Structures are given as C-alpha cells and as structure tokens.
C-alpha cells in the first residue's frame, strides 16, 4: 500500500497506514500551533523593534513617556544660550523620545504635536548649533523665528503646551519649560492661573533655566515647587566625560522575544522536518 503524499515521487510503501491517522492529527495540530506562535512572536518582535533603544530622557519627569517642550524664543534667550537648547534637543533625539514642541515669546505657537517622532524634532537642531566661533564666542545664524521674538509671556507657552496634551488625549504627559524665566510683570496673574491649571490636570512640569537669575528661579520655585528644576550636571561637559540628558532603557523585552522566536524556529525544524525512512538491509 502506498501512503498519500503531495508529491508522488519518493513515496513510501506502508502496510499499516490506518495506524498513522492519530499521529498525523497530532502532527497537524503541532504544526498549526507552531505557525500561530511564530506569527505572534514575529509580530511582537517587529512592534518592540520600533521602540528599541528608546527611553525616558532625563529632562522628563519620572513616569512620563512623552511630553511637550515649551521653548522660550524671546530676544533675551538668543545667542550662546542656544547651545544648552541644542544639548537638550540632542538628548531627546538620542533617547528616541517622542515629544511635542511649542515656542513662545509674547504669544505661543505649536510646531509639533505631542508624540511626534524624534526625527521631527531633529530638524530644528540646526538652528541651535553655532555656525562659527568668533573670539571665543559662538555665532548663531538667524532662525525663522527671530523676527517674532519680543517680550516674554511664559503663561502663553504653558497654556499652549497643556492644550496640546489635551487635544492629543495624551495620558501621563508632561511639560518641559526651557526659559530664562525673565517673565513680564504683566504676566504674573496669568502665570499663576496656568500653574494652578497644570496642578489640577495632574500634568507634571520640569524647568530648565536658561541662565536665569536666582530671583527668577525663586519665583518659579514658589509656583511649581523646588524639585521641578533639571540639575546642571545634566549639561556639564569636561575633557574626560560628558553627561547626556538621557536615561535610555535596555531592550530586554525585545531580547526575550528574540530568544522565544529562535526557540520556536528550532522546534519547528525539529518537529516538522521531513520523515526519512531508514533503509532495510
């Protein structure tokens, strides 16, 4: 008796084919199970690979996976201060950190919505890198926003950042304020209002003072708390080492899924290999 095969060539003569029906069913179940497991594991590996190497940039509060950078572009911030802005932008991009971007002076405008990819933020980096150095001082080119720079109304930036998080329905979002904190005297009441709105919305804020005076830092410490400021050590640069503003996570989940995938492939080869009958002497 000849067993049924997809290809007649090389078929094996069997005298008890009916006894193989039960093992054949088990083999079919094993093959289907392995195929489903391989498909699910491969899909998980692809999804995890999209965020492999990402982490929480150190400028974001603990527990926050994304946020909105609220950047002061008033006339008092331009110049050498841009180097610190560039350091933060590089840290966010290096952390593969999805963020939004709001710039403000007298008024605020949203350039990137929350959860924008890091590549979208990187396109702004060139405006915060000096074109040349003259007599030891970095010289920056004119940015597209230079003509809009004027006074400082920080409340407008905070309001725009909070509205952006609400529109995007971002859970566990945060605000990162980068400013010299030299706010207009006429902005004090609106600023207190926005600080209250952030607390009521449970949106944490981190502040990166850009050459701010001790008096301005004290004002914002009273409004938002003394622990909202990013430490200066995140930006120090020495001849021996540089501390980047980034806290990247190790891709342990991706490695684990990869090991499972390798194990399933090995099981597939072991259990679903073609049966080669032994020759009878």
C-alpha atoms as a PDB file:
ATOM      1  CA  UNK A   1       0.000   0.000   0.000  1.00  0.00           C
ATOM      2  CA  UNK A   2       1.340   3.498  -0.881  1.00  0.00           C
ATOM      3  CA  UNK A   3       0.802   6.444   1.505  1.00  0.00           C
ATOM      4  CA  UNK A   4      -0.711   9.639   0.133  1.00  0.00           C
ATOM      5  CA  UNK A   5       1.773  12.489  -0.357  1.00  0.00           C
ATOM      6  CA  UNK A   6       1.797  15.884  -2.079  1.00  0.00           C
ATOM      7  CA  UNK A   7       4.463  14.609  -4.458  1.00  0.00           C
ATOM      8  CA  UNK A   8       4.232  11.045  -5.630  1.00  0.00           C
ATOM      9  CA  UNK A   9       7.959  10.781  -6.203  1.00  0.00           C
ATOM     10  CA  UNK A  10       9.720   9.120  -3.277  1.00  0.00           C
ATOM     11  CA  UNK A  11       6.516   7.803  -1.635  1.00  0.00           C
ATOM     12  CA  UNK A  12       6.950   5.108   0.970  1.00  0.00           C
ATOM     13  CA  UNK A  13       5.115   1.792   0.865  1.00  0.00           C
ATOM     14  CA  UNK A  14       3.194   1.219   4.104  1.00  0.00           C
ATOM     15  CA  UNK A  15       1.278  -1.834   5.181  1.00  0.00           C
ATOM     16  CA  UNK A  16      -0.466  -0.267   8.192  1.00  0.00           C
ATOM     17  CA  UNK A  17      -1.421   3.236   7.021  1.00  0.00           C
ATOM     18  CA  UNK A  18      -4.563   3.343   9.185  1.00  0.00           C
ATOM     19  CA  UNK A  19      -2.464   3.223  12.360  1.00  0.00           C
ATOM     20  CA  UNK A  20      -0.832   6.544  11.407  1.00  0.00           C
ATOM     21  CA  UNK A  21      -4.057   8.592  11.366  1.00  0.00           C
ATOM     22  CA  UNK A  22      -3.804   9.586  15.048  1.00  0.00           C
ATOM     23  CA  UNK A  23      -0.102  10.642  14.874  1.00  0.00           C
ATOM     24  CA  UNK A  24      -0.950  12.551  11.679  1.00  0.00           C
ATOM     25  CA  UNK A  25      -3.631  14.558  13.501  1.00  0.00           C
ATOM     26  CA  UNK A  26      -1.222  15.330  16.336  1.00  0.00           C
ATOM     27  CA  UNK A  27       1.383  16.475  13.839  1.00  0.00           C
ATOM     28  CA  UNK A  28      -1.144  18.749  12.144  1.00  0.00           C
ATOM     29  CA  UNK A  29      -2.112  20.315  15.492  1.00  0.00           C
ATOM     30  CA  UNK A  30       1.556  20.838  16.380  1.00  0.00           C
ATOM     31  CA  UNK A  31       2.223  22.481  13.008  1.00  0.00           C
ATOM     32  CA  UNK A  32      -0.745  24.839  13.335  1.00  0.00           C
ATOM     33  CA  UNK A  33       0.221  25.733  16.905  1.00  0.00           C
ATOM     34  CA  UNK A  34       3.826  26.447  15.920  1.00  0.00           C
ATOM     35  CA  UNK A  35       2.702  28.534  12.963  1.00  0.00           C
ATOM     36  CA  UNK A  36       0.434  30.663  15.163  1.00  0.00           C
ATOM     37  CA  UNK A  37       3.122  31.030  17.844  1.00  0.00           C
ATOM     38  CA  UNK A  38       5.739  32.026  15.263  1.00  0.00           C
ATOM     39  CA  UNK A  39       3.395  34.582  13.715  1.00  0.00           C
ATOM     40  CA  UNK A  40       2.532  36.137  17.091  1.00  0.00           C
ATOM     41  CA  UNK A  41       6.174  36.208  18.226  1.00  0.00           C
ATOM     42  CA  UNK A  42       7.360  37.751  14.966  1.00  0.00           C
ATOM     43  CA  UNK A  43       4.668  40.444  15.200  1.00  0.00           C
ATOM     44  CA  UNK A  44       5.715  41.214  18.805  1.00  0.00           C
ATOM     45  CA  UNK A  45       9.374  41.452  17.754  1.00  0.00           C
ATOM     46  CA  UNK A  46       8.515  43.927  14.995  1.00  0.00           C
ATOM     47  CA  UNK A  47       6.478  46.108  17.357  1.00  0.00           C
ATOM     48  CA  UNK A  48       9.180  46.086  20.035  1.00  0.00           C
ATOM     49  CA  UNK A  49      11.909  46.804  17.486  1.00  0.00           C
ATOM     50  CA  UNK A  50      10.179  50.061  16.592  1.00  0.00           C
ATOM     51  CA  UNK A  51      10.931  51.436  20.062  1.00  0.00           C
ATOM     52  CA  UNK A  52      14.144  49.518  20.774  1.00  0.00           C
ATOM     53  CA  UNK A  53      16.741  51.760  22.367  1.00  0.00           C
ATOM     54  CA  UNK A  54      14.165  54.322  23.436  1.00  0.00           C
ATOM     55  CA  UNK A  55      13.963  55.550  26.977  1.00  0.00           C
ATOM     56  CA  UNK A  56      12.921  58.416  29.177  1.00  0.00           C
ATOM     57  CA  UNK A  57      15.018  61.481  28.572  1.00  0.00           C
ATOM     58  CA  UNK A  58      16.244  62.789  31.900  1.00  0.00           C
ATOM     59  CA  UNK A  59      14.530  66.125  31.318  1.00  0.00           C
ATOM     60  CA  UNK A  60      11.140  64.413  31.613  1.00  0.00           C
ATOM     61  CA  UNK A  61       9.566  63.627  34.984  1.00  0.00           C
ATOM     62  CA  UNK A  62       9.698  60.048  36.247  1.00  0.00           C
ATOM     63  CA  UNK A  63       6.762  58.087  34.845  1.00  0.00           C
ATOM     64  CA  UNK A  64       6.321  60.331  31.805  1.00  0.00           C
ATOM     65  CA  UNK A  65       6.781  58.694  28.409  1.00  0.00           C
ATOM     66  CA  UNK A  66       6.176  61.804  26.350  1.00  0.00           C
ATOM     67  CA  UNK A  67       5.585  65.484  26.788  1.00  0.00           C
ATOM     68  CA  UNK A  68       5.679  68.914  25.206  1.00  0.00           C
ATOM     69  CA  UNK A  69       8.816  71.041  25.143  1.00  0.00           C
ATOM     70  CA  UNK A  70       7.805  74.658  25.750  1.00  0.00           C
ATOM     71  CA  UNK A  71      10.703  76.739  24.442  1.00  0.00           C
ATOM     72  CA  UNK A  72      11.264  80.423  25.155  1.00  0.00           C
ATOM     73  CA  UNK A  73      12.241  82.222  21.935  1.00  0.00           C
ATOM     74  CA  UNK A  74      12.189  85.754  23.314  1.00  0.00           C
ATOM     75  CA  UNK A  75      15.006  88.125  22.444  1.00  0.00           C
ATOM     76  CA  UNK A  76      16.708  87.617  25.824  1.00  0.00           C
ATOM     77  CA  UNK A  77      17.274  83.904  25.138  1.00  0.00           C
ATOM     78  CA  UNK A  78      19.010  84.215  21.761  1.00  0.00           C
ATOM     79  CA  UNK A  79      22.745  83.736  21.362  1.00  0.00           C
ATOM     80  CA  UNK A  80      25.040  81.461  23.408  1.00  0.00           C
ATOM     81  CA  UNK A  81      22.071  80.161  25.405  1.00  0.00           C
ATOM     82  CA  UNK A  82      21.061  78.250  22.273  1.00  0.00           C
ATOM     83  CA  UNK A  83      23.892  75.780  22.977  1.00  0.00           C
ATOM     84  CA  UNK A  84      22.031  74.453  26.006  1.00  0.00           C
ATOM     85  CA  UNK A  85      18.830  74.212  23.981  1.00  0.00           C
ATOM     86  CA  UNK A  86      20.735  72.183  21.397  1.00  0.00           C
ATOM     87  CA  UNK A  87      22.041  69.835  24.108  1.00  0.00           C
ATOM     88  CA  UNK A  88      18.512  69.108  25.283  1.00  0.00           C
ATOM     89  CA  UNK A  89      17.239  68.540  21.738  1.00  0.00           C
ATOM     90  CA  UNK A  90      20.095  66.107  21.067  1.00  0.00           C
ATOM     91  CA  UNK A  91      19.308  64.255  24.291  1.00  0.00           C
ATOM     92  CA  UNK A  92      15.642  63.889  23.351  1.00  0.00           C
ATOM     93  CA  UNK A  93      16.515  62.639  19.876  1.00  0.00           C
ATOM     94  CA  UNK A  94      19.162  60.241  21.219  1.00  0.00           C
ATOM     95  CA  UNK A  95      16.625  58.836  23.673  1.00  0.00           C
ATOM     96  CA  UNK A  96      14.244  58.210  20.755  1.00  0.00           C
ATOM     97  CA  UNK A  97      11.861  60.350  22.763  1.00  0.00           C
ATOM     98  CA  UNK A  98       8.524  61.271  21.148  1.00  0.00           C
ATOM     99  CA  UNK A  99       7.634  64.828  22.135  1.00  0.00           C
ATOM    100  CA  UNK A 100       5.745  67.885  21.020  1.00  0.00           C
ATOM    101  CA  UNK A 101       7.185  71.361  20.598  1.00  0.00           C
ATOM    102  CA  UNK A 102       5.749  74.769  21.470  1.00  0.00           C
ATOM    103  CA  UNK A 103       7.654  78.026  21.014  1.00  0.00           C
ATOM    104  CA  UNK A 104       6.625  81.300  22.606  1.00  0.00           C
ATOM    105  CA  UNK A 105       7.592  84.868  23.148  1.00  0.00           C
ATOM    106  CA  UNK A 106       4.675  87.274  23.582  1.00  0.00           C
ATOM    107  CA  UNK A 107       2.430  84.642  22.005  1.00  0.00           C
ATOM    108  CA  UNK A 108       2.808  80.872  21.664  1.00  0.00           C
ATOM    109  CA  UNK A 109       2.512  78.595  18.656  1.00  0.00           C
ATOM    110  CA  UNK A 110       2.614  74.822  18.359  1.00  0.00           C
ATOM    111  CA  UNK A 111       5.187  73.479  15.907  1.00  0.00           C
ATOM    112  CA  UNK A 112       4.944  69.753  16.691  1.00  0.00           C
ATOM    113  CA  UNK A 113       2.008  67.913  18.288  1.00  0.00           C
ATOM    114  CA  UNK A 114       2.660  65.536  21.210  1.00  0.00           C
ATOM    115  CA  UNK A 115       4.046  62.094  20.319  1.00  0.00           C
ATOM    116  CA  UNK A 116       5.826  63.449  17.261  1.00  0.00           C
ATOM    117  CA  UNK A 117       8.739  61.178  16.226  1.00  0.00           C
ATOM    118  CA  UNK A 118      12.259  62.224  17.274  1.00  0.00           C
ATOM    119  CA  UNK A 119      13.242  62.850  13.646  1.00  0.00           C
ATOM    120  CA  UNK A 120      10.673  65.645  13.534  1.00  0.00           C
ATOM    121  CA  UNK A 121      12.395  67.346  16.468  1.00  0.00           C
ATOM    122  CA  UNK A 122      15.852  66.836  14.969  1.00  0.00           C
ATOM    123  CA  UNK A 123      15.063  69.139  12.058  1.00  0.00           C
ATOM    124  CA  UNK A 124      15.131  72.082  14.483  1.00  0.00           C
ATOM    125  CA  UNK A 125      18.564  71.191  15.865  1.00  0.00           C
ATOM    126  CA  UNK A 126      20.463  73.096  13.183  1.00  0.00           C
ATOM    127  CA  UNK A 127      19.082  76.387  14.476  1.00  0.00           C
ATOM    128  CA  UNK A 128      20.715  75.795  17.868  1.00  0.00           C
ATOM    129  CA  UNK A 129      24.175  74.885  16.581  1.00  0.00           C
ATOM    130  CA  UNK A 130      26.657  77.777  16.100  1.00  0.00           C
ATOM    131  CA  UNK A 131      27.731  78.494  12.545  1.00  0.00           C
ATOM    132  CA  UNK A 132      31.160  79.621  13.677  1.00  0.00           C
ATOM    133  CA  UNK A 133      33.113  80.839  16.699  1.00  0.00           C
ATOM    134  CA  UNK A 134      34.402  84.398  16.806  1.00  0.00           C
ATOM    135  CA  UNK A 135      36.811  85.460  19.541  1.00  0.00           C
ATOM    136  CA  UNK A 136      35.751  82.530  21.658  1.00  0.00           C
ATOM    137  CA  UNK A 137      32.025  83.251  21.339  1.00  0.00           C
ATOM    138  CA  UNK A 138      29.650  81.082  19.273  1.00  0.00           C
ATOM    139  CA  UNK A 139      27.877  82.834  16.423  1.00  0.00           C
ATOM    140  CA  UNK A 140      24.422  81.581  15.521  1.00  0.00           C
ATOM    141  CA  UNK A 141      22.581  82.147  12.284  1.00  0.00           C
ATOM    142  CA  UNK A 142      19.236  83.874  12.133  1.00  0.00           C
ATOM    143  CA  UNK A 143      16.388  81.486  12.885  1.00  0.00           C
ATOM    144  CA  UNK A 144      12.990  81.655  11.192  1.00  0.00           C
ATOM    145  CA  UNK A 145      11.538  82.872  14.496  1.00  0.00           C
ATOM    146  CA  UNK A 146      13.929  85.754  15.109  1.00  0.00           C
ATOM    147  CA  UNK A 147      11.536  88.300  13.624  1.00  0.00           C
ATOM    148  CA  UNK A 148       8.826  87.179  16.045  1.00  0.00           C
ATOM    149  CA  UNK A 149      10.978  87.397  19.173  1.00  0.00           C
ATOM    150  CA  UNK A 150       9.877  90.041  21.599  1.00  0.00           C
ATOM    151  CA  UNK A 151       8.865  90.125  25.237  1.00  0.00           C
ATOM    152  CA  UNK A 152       8.281  87.114  27.447  1.00  0.00           C
ATOM    153  CA  UNK A 153       4.877  85.775  28.466  1.00  0.00           C
ATOM    154  CA  UNK A 154       5.527  82.301  29.839  1.00  0.00           C
ATOM    155  CA  UNK A 155       1.857  81.724  30.610  1.00  0.00           C
ATOM    156  CA  UNK A 156       1.083  81.607  26.875  1.00  0.00           C
ATOM    157  CA  UNK A 157       3.620  78.809  26.345  1.00  0.00           C
ATOM    158  CA  UNK A 158       2.340  76.752  29.269  1.00  0.00           C
ATOM    159  CA  UNK A 159      -1.262  77.179  28.121  1.00  0.00           C
ATOM    160  CA  UNK A 160      -0.372  76.078  24.582  1.00  0.00           C
ATOM    161  CA  UNK A 161       1.504  73.027  25.888  1.00  0.00           C
ATOM    162  CA  UNK A 162      -1.352  71.966  28.161  1.00  0.00           C
ATOM    163  CA  UNK A 163      -3.892  72.439  25.357  1.00  0.00           C
ATOM    164  CA  UNK A 164      -1.740  70.333  23.033  1.00  0.00           C
ATOM    165  CA  UNK A 165      -1.711  67.451  25.544  1.00  0.00           C
ATOM    166  CA  UNK A 166      -5.486  67.693  25.976  1.00  0.00           C
ATOM    167  CA  UNK A 167      -6.164  67.731  22.221  1.00  0.00           C
ATOM    168  CA  UNK A 168      -3.930  64.710  21.645  1.00  0.00           C
ATOM    169  CA  UNK A 169      -5.505  62.876  24.619  1.00  0.00           C
ATOM    170  CA  UNK A 170      -2.045  62.027  25.955  1.00  0.00           C
ATOM    171  CA  UNK A 171      -2.077  60.082  29.257  1.00  0.00           C
ATOM    172  CA  UNK A 172       0.812  60.714  31.651  1.00  0.00           C
ATOM    173  CA  UNK A 173       2.040  63.658  29.605  1.00  0.00           C
ATOM    174  CA  UNK A 174       4.334  66.355  30.926  1.00  0.00           C
ATOM    175  CA  UNK A 175       5.592  69.856  30.215  1.00  0.00           C
ATOM    176  CA  UNK A 176       9.276  70.759  29.821  1.00  0.00           C
ATOM    177  CA  UNK A 177       9.767  74.515  30.098  1.00  0.00           C
ATOM    178  CA  UNK A 178      13.018  75.961  28.752  1.00  0.00           C
ATOM    179  CA  UNK A 179      13.308  79.661  29.518  1.00  0.00           C
ATOM    180  CA  UNK A 180      15.429  82.320  31.159  1.00  0.00           C
ATOM    181  CA  UNK A 181      12.353  82.819  33.407  1.00  0.00           C
ATOM    182  CA  UNK A 182      12.555  86.596  32.900  1.00  0.00           C
ATOM    183  CA  UNK A 183       8.800  86.864  32.670  1.00  0.00           C
ATOM    184  CA  UNK A 184       6.874  90.066  32.068  1.00  0.00           C
ATOM    185  CA  UNK A 185       5.436  91.742  35.153  1.00  0.00           C
ATOM    186  CA  UNK A 186       2.060  91.835  33.404  1.00  0.00           C
ATOM    187  CA  UNK A 187       2.140  88.049  33.079  1.00  0.00           C
ATOM    188  CA  UNK A 188       2.214  87.208  36.781  1.00  0.00           C
ATOM    189  CA  UNK A 189      -1.530  86.668  37.259  1.00  0.00           C
ATOM    190  CA  UNK A 190      -1.921  84.568  34.048  1.00  0.00           C
ATOM    191  CA  UNK A 191       1.169  82.579  35.082  1.00  0.00           C
ATOM    192  CA  UNK A 192      -0.365  81.754  38.481  1.00  0.00           C
ATOM    193  CA  UNK A 193      -3.541  80.703  36.668  1.00  0.00           C
ATOM    194  CA  UNK A 194      -1.627  78.315  34.382  1.00  0.00           C
ATOM    195  CA  UNK A 195       0.329  76.856  37.303  1.00  0.00           C
ATOM    196  CA  UNK A 196      -2.981  76.087  39.003  1.00  0.00           C
ATOM    197  CA  UNK A 197      -4.361  74.547  35.787  1.00  0.00           C
ATOM    198  CA  UNK A 198      -1.347  72.232  35.490  1.00  0.00           C
ATOM    199  CA  UNK A 199      -1.764  71.041  39.072  1.00  0.00           C
ATOM    200  CA  UNK A 200      -5.487  70.416  38.607  1.00  0.00           C
ATOM    201  CA  UNK A 201      -4.803  68.466  35.384  1.00  0.00           C
ATOM    202  CA  UNK A 202      -2.080  66.433  37.179  1.00  0.00           C
ATOM    203  CA  UNK A 203       0.426  67.354  34.473  1.00  0.00           C
ATOM    204  CA  UNK A 204       3.963  67.456  35.932  1.00  0.00           C
ATOM    205  CA  UNK A 205       6.401  70.114  34.789  1.00  0.00           C
ATOM    206  CA  UNK A 206      10.182  70.232  34.576  1.00  0.00           C
ATOM    207  CA  UNK A 207      12.008  73.527  34.175  1.00  0.00           C
ATOM    208  CA  UNK A 208      15.368  74.078  32.516  1.00  0.00           C
ATOM    209  CA  UNK A 209      16.531  77.575  33.490  1.00  0.00           C
ATOM    210  CA  UNK A 210      18.499  79.183  30.667  1.00  0.00           C
ATOM    211  CA  UNK A 211      20.931  81.468  32.520  1.00  0.00           C
ATOM    212  CA  UNK A 212      18.107  82.528  34.828  1.00  0.00           C
ATOM    213  CA  UNK A 213      18.763  84.837  37.764  1.00  0.00           C
ATOM    214  CA  UNK A 214      18.402  83.492  41.328  1.00  0.00           C
ATOM    215  CA  UNK A 215      15.442  85.809  41.892  1.00  0.00           C
ATOM    216  CA  UNK A 216      13.523  84.436  38.888  1.00  0.00           C
ATOM    217  CA  UNK A 217      14.339  80.878  39.897  1.00  0.00           C
ATOM    218  CA  UNK A 218      12.936  81.582  43.362  1.00  0.00           C
ATOM    219  CA  UNK A 219       9.671  82.891  41.863  1.00  0.00           C
ATOM    220  CA  UNK A 220       9.144  79.721  39.828  1.00  0.00           C
ATOM    221  CA  UNK A 221      10.200  77.567  42.751  1.00  0.00           C
ATOM    222  CA  UNK A 222       7.344  79.062  44.778  1.00  0.00           C
ATOM    223  CA  UNK A 223       4.901  78.485  41.922  1.00  0.00           C
ATOM    224  CA  UNK A 224       5.848  74.944  40.902  1.00  0.00           C
ATOM    225  CA  UNK A 225       7.991  73.591  43.752  1.00  0.00           C
ATOM    226  CA  UNK A 226      11.749  73.423  44.326  1.00  0.00           C
ATOM    227  CA  UNK A 227      12.153  69.977  42.753  1.00  0.00           C
ATOM    228  CA  UNK A 228      10.997  70.858  39.237  1.00  0.00           C
ATOM    229  CA  UNK A 229      14.363  72.146  38.057  1.00  0.00           C
ATOM    230  CA  UNK A 230      16.697  69.992  35.964  1.00  0.00           C
ATOM    231  CA  UNK A 231      20.119  69.783  37.590  1.00  0.00           C
ATOM    232  CA  UNK A 232      23.090  71.488  35.981  1.00  0.00           C
ATOM    233  CA  UNK A 233      25.048  68.219  35.948  1.00  0.00           C
ATOM    234  CA  UNK A 234      22.941  67.069  33.012  1.00  0.00           C
ATOM    235  CA  UNK A 235      24.724  69.619  30.823  1.00  0.00           C
ATOM    236  CA  UNK A 236      28.271  69.589  32.126  1.00  0.00           C
ATOM    237  CA  UNK A 237      30.962  68.950  29.583  1.00  0.00           C
ATOM    238  CA  UNK A 238      34.550  68.189  30.528  1.00  0.00           C
ATOM    239  CA  UNK A 239      37.605  66.817  28.791  1.00  0.00           C
ATOM    240  CA  UNK A 240      37.052  63.392  30.360  1.00  0.00           C
ATOM    241  CA  UNK A 241      33.366  62.823  30.013  1.00  0.00           C
ATOM    242  CA  UNK A 242      30.075  64.320  29.112  1.00  0.00           C
ATOM    243  CA  UNK A 243      26.826  63.625  30.908  1.00  0.00           C
ATOM    244  CA  UNK A 244      23.982  63.474  28.398  1.00  0.00           C
ATOM    245  CA  UNK A 245      20.446  64.414  29.439  1.00  0.00           C
ATOM    246  CA  UNK A 246      19.175  60.933  28.706  1.00  0.00           C
ATOM    247  CA  UNK A 247      18.147  57.836  30.606  1.00  0.00           C
ATOM    248  CA  UNK A 248      17.740  55.099  28.000  1.00  0.00           C
ATOM    249  CA  UNK A 249      16.114  51.762  28.751  1.00  0.00           C
ATOM    250  CA  UNK A 250      17.739  48.441  27.828  1.00  0.00           C
ATOM    251  CA  UNK A 251      15.718  46.468  25.241  1.00  0.00           C
ATOM    252  CA  UNK A 252      15.236  43.423  27.476  1.00  0.00           C
ATOM    253  CA  UNK A 253      11.740  42.728  26.145  1.00  0.00           C
ATOM    254  CA  UNK A 254      12.999  42.636  22.570  1.00  0.00           C
ATOM    255  CA  UNK A 255      15.848  40.294  23.552  1.00  0.00           C
ATOM    256  CA  UNK A 256      13.421  37.957  25.341  1.00  0.00           C
ATOM    257  CA  UNK A 257      11.074  37.859  22.356  1.00  0.00           C
ATOM    258  CA  UNK A 258      14.060  37.177  20.112  1.00  0.00           C
ATOM    259  CA  UNK A 259      15.065  34.172  22.213  1.00  0.00           C
ATOM    260  CA  UNK A 260      11.499  32.841  22.095  1.00  0.00           C
ATOM    261  CA  UNK A 261      11.488  33.259  18.324  1.00  0.00           C
ATOM    262  CA  UNK A 262      14.753  31.333  17.979  1.00  0.00           C
ATOM    263  CA  UNK A 263      13.378  28.557  20.190  1.00  0.00           C
ATOM    264  CA  UNK A 264      10.194  28.287  18.129  1.00  0.00           C
ATOM    265  CA  UNK A 265      12.173  28.132  14.886  1.00  0.00           C
ATOM    266  CA  UNK A 266      14.324  25.354  16.337  1.00  0.00           C
ATOM    267  CA  UNK A 267      11.199  23.467  17.473  1.00  0.00           C
ATOM    268  CA  UNK A 268       9.679  23.884  14.030  1.00  0.00           C
ATOM    269  CA  UNK A 269      12.764  22.359  12.394  1.00  0.00           C
ATOM    270  CA  UNK A 270      12.877  19.544  14.922  1.00  0.00           C
ATOM    271  CA  UNK A 271       9.198  18.580  14.908  1.00  0.00           C
ATOM    272  CA  UNK A 272       8.227  19.366  11.318  1.00  0.00           C
ATOM    273  CA  UNK A 273      11.212  18.022   9.452  1.00  0.00           C
ATOM    274  CA  UNK A 274      10.576  15.543   6.629  1.00  0.00           C
ATOM    275  CA  UNK A 275      10.431  11.895   7.679  1.00  0.00           C
ATOM    276  CA  UNK A 276      13.289   9.951   6.173  1.00  0.00           C
ATOM    277  CA  UNK A 277      12.674   6.202   6.497  1.00  0.00           C
ATOM    278  CA  UNK A 278      15.596   4.009   7.344  1.00  0.00           C
ATOM    279  CA  UNK A 279      16.681   1.642   4.629  1.00  0.00           C
ATOM    280  CA  UNK A 280      16.082  -2.020   5.327  1.00  0.00           C
ATOM    281  CA  UNK A 281      19.098  -4.179   4.778  1.00  0.00           C
END
